[in-house]
Amino acid sequence: MESATFSLRNWTLLVRGNNVFDRLSGPEHRLDLTFSSRGDAAGRDLPHGIIGQSFSSTAPRYGMTDEYPDEGRFKTSAMAEGAIEGEAAMYEMAWPHATDFTFS
């Protein structure tokens, strides 16, 4: 599949198209996003949101991860706990244009 790279100042975003494997219903394709920062980009601004929290420091932040089996079906349970403030559910918005946010 195709990919595109976007860069602005000290930030780079890589967007890759991919298939949805073992699809039961819904979209057949997905977008995989990779964010990276250079220099002092991570510590320069107050981070917010799931992605912002992962860049809130220049040191790596390691959160909960899943142990994937060698075969068979698997349901993920890791939701970045330990790498973000609070729990993943605290980042859910009531509607797309909501402005009330737990960490605002």
Protein backbone atom coordinates (compact mmCIF):
# COMPACT_ATOMS: atom_id res chain seq x y z
CA MET A 1 0.00 0.00 0.00
CA GLU A 2 0.98 3.63 -0.34
CA SER A 3 2.47 5.94 2.28
CA ALA A 4 3.03 9.67 2.78
CA THR A 5 5.38 11.62 5.06
CA PHE A 6 4.56 15.07 6.44
CA SER A 7 7.12 17.24 8.25
CA LEU A 8 6.65 20.52 10.09
CA ARG A 9 9.41 22.06 12.18
CA ASN A 10 10.60 19.32 14.56
CA TRP A 11 7.72 16.92 13.91
CA THR A 12 7.30 14.16 11.33
CA LEU A 13 4.16 12.15 10.62
CA LEU A 14 4.29 8.99 8.50
CA VAL A 15 0.92 7.74 7.21
CA ARG A 16 0.73 4.24 5.73
CA GLY A 17 -2.28 2.49 4.22
CA ASN A 18 -2.77 -1.13 5.24
CA ASN A 19 -5.34 -3.92 5.00
CA VAL A 20 -7.55 -4.92 7.91
CA PHE A 21 -6.57 -8.54 8.50
CA ASP A 22 -9.15 -11.16 9.56
CA ARG A 23 -11.87 -8.60 8.90
CA LEU A 24 -15.39 -9.62 9.99
CA SER A 25 -17.15 -6.40 8.97
CA GLY A 26 -16.50 -2.70 8.54
CA PRO A 27 -13.67 -1.05 6.60
CA GLU A 28 -11.31 -3.18 4.52
CA HIS A 29 -8.39 -0.74 4.91
CA ARG A 30 -6.81 1.22 7.75
CA LEU A 31 -4.29 4.04 8.20
CA ASP A 32 -1.25 3.40 10.39
CA LEU A 33 0.27 6.61 11.85
CA THR A 34 3.82 7.03 13.12
CA PHE A 35 4.73 10.28 14.92
CA SER A 36 8.30 11.30 15.66
CA SER A 37 9.91 14.40 17.13
CA ARG A 38 13.38 15.90 16.88
CA GLY A 39 15.26 18.24 19.16
CA ASP A 40 13.26 19.90 21.93
CA ALA A 41 9.85 19.45 20.28
CA ALA A 42 8.66 17.02 22.95
CA GLY A 43 9.39 19.24 25.95
CA ARG A 44 8.66 22.64 24.38
CA ASP A 45 4.85 22.75 24.67
CA LEU A 46 2.36 21.41 27.19
CA PRO A 47 1.25 18.07 25.73
CA HIS A 48 -2.35 16.92 25.70
CA GLY A 49 -4.31 13.94 24.44
CA ILE A 50 -3.16 10.35 23.94
CA ILE A 51 -0.50 11.26 21.36
CA GLY A 52 0.64 14.38 23.19
CA GLN A 53 1.15 12.46 26.44
CA SER A 54 3.53 10.05 24.72
CA PHE A 55 5.70 13.05 23.76
CA SER A 56 5.51 14.89 27.11
CA SER A 57 9.15 14.18 27.85
CA THR A 58 12.32 13.60 25.88
CA ALA A 59 12.80 10.33 27.82
CA PRO A 60 10.98 7.21 26.55
CA ARG A 61 7.67 6.37 28.25
CA TYR A 62 6.81 2.71 28.42
CA GLY A 63 3.20 1.78 29.05
CA MET A 64 1.33 -1.47 29.42
CA THR A 65 1.76 -3.84 26.48
CA ASP A 66 -0.07 -6.98 25.38
CA GLU A 67 1.48 -10.43 25.09
CA TYR A 68 0.49 -11.72 21.67
CA PRO A 69 0.04 -15.49 21.24
CA ASP A 70 1.85 -17.34 18.44
CA GLU A 71 -1.50 -18.34 16.96
CA GLY A 72 -5.25 -18.02 17.43
CA ARG A 73 -7.46 -15.04 18.18
CA PHE A 74 -6.49 -12.37 20.66
CA LYS A 75 -8.30 -9.43 22.29
CA THR A 76 -6.09 -6.51 23.25
CA SER A 77 -6.29 -5.08 26.77
CA ALA A 78 -3.34 -2.66 26.92
CA MET A 79 -4.45 0.95 26.55
CA ALA A 80 -1.22 2.89 27.21
CA GLU A 81 -1.60 2.80 31.02
CA GLY A 82 1.73 3.84 32.50
CA ALA A 83 2.71 5.95 29.50
CA ILE A 84 -0.17 8.42 29.86
CA GLU A 85 -1.81 10.21 32.77
CA GLY A 86 -4.85 8.34 34.06
CA GLU A 87 -6.60 5.71 31.97
CA ALA A 88 -7.47 5.61 28.27
CA ALA A 89 -11.21 6.08 28.97
CA MET A 90 -10.41 9.52 30.46
CA TYR A 91 -9.40 10.68 26.95
CA GLU A 92 -12.73 9.80 25.31
CA MET A 93 -14.71 12.82 24.17
CA ALA A 94 -18.52 13.10 24.46
CA TRP A 95 -18.81 14.27 20.85
CA PRO A 96 -16.40 15.24 18.01
CA HIS A 97 -16.40 18.99 18.84
CA ALA A 98 -16.45 18.72 22.64
CA THR A 99 -14.21 21.15 24.52
CA ASP A 100 -14.49 19.74 28.04
CA PHE A 101 -11.54 17.48 28.65
CA THR A 102 -10.33 15.77 31.81
CA PHE A 103 -6.80 17.18 31.51
CA SER A 104 -7.62 20.70 30.26
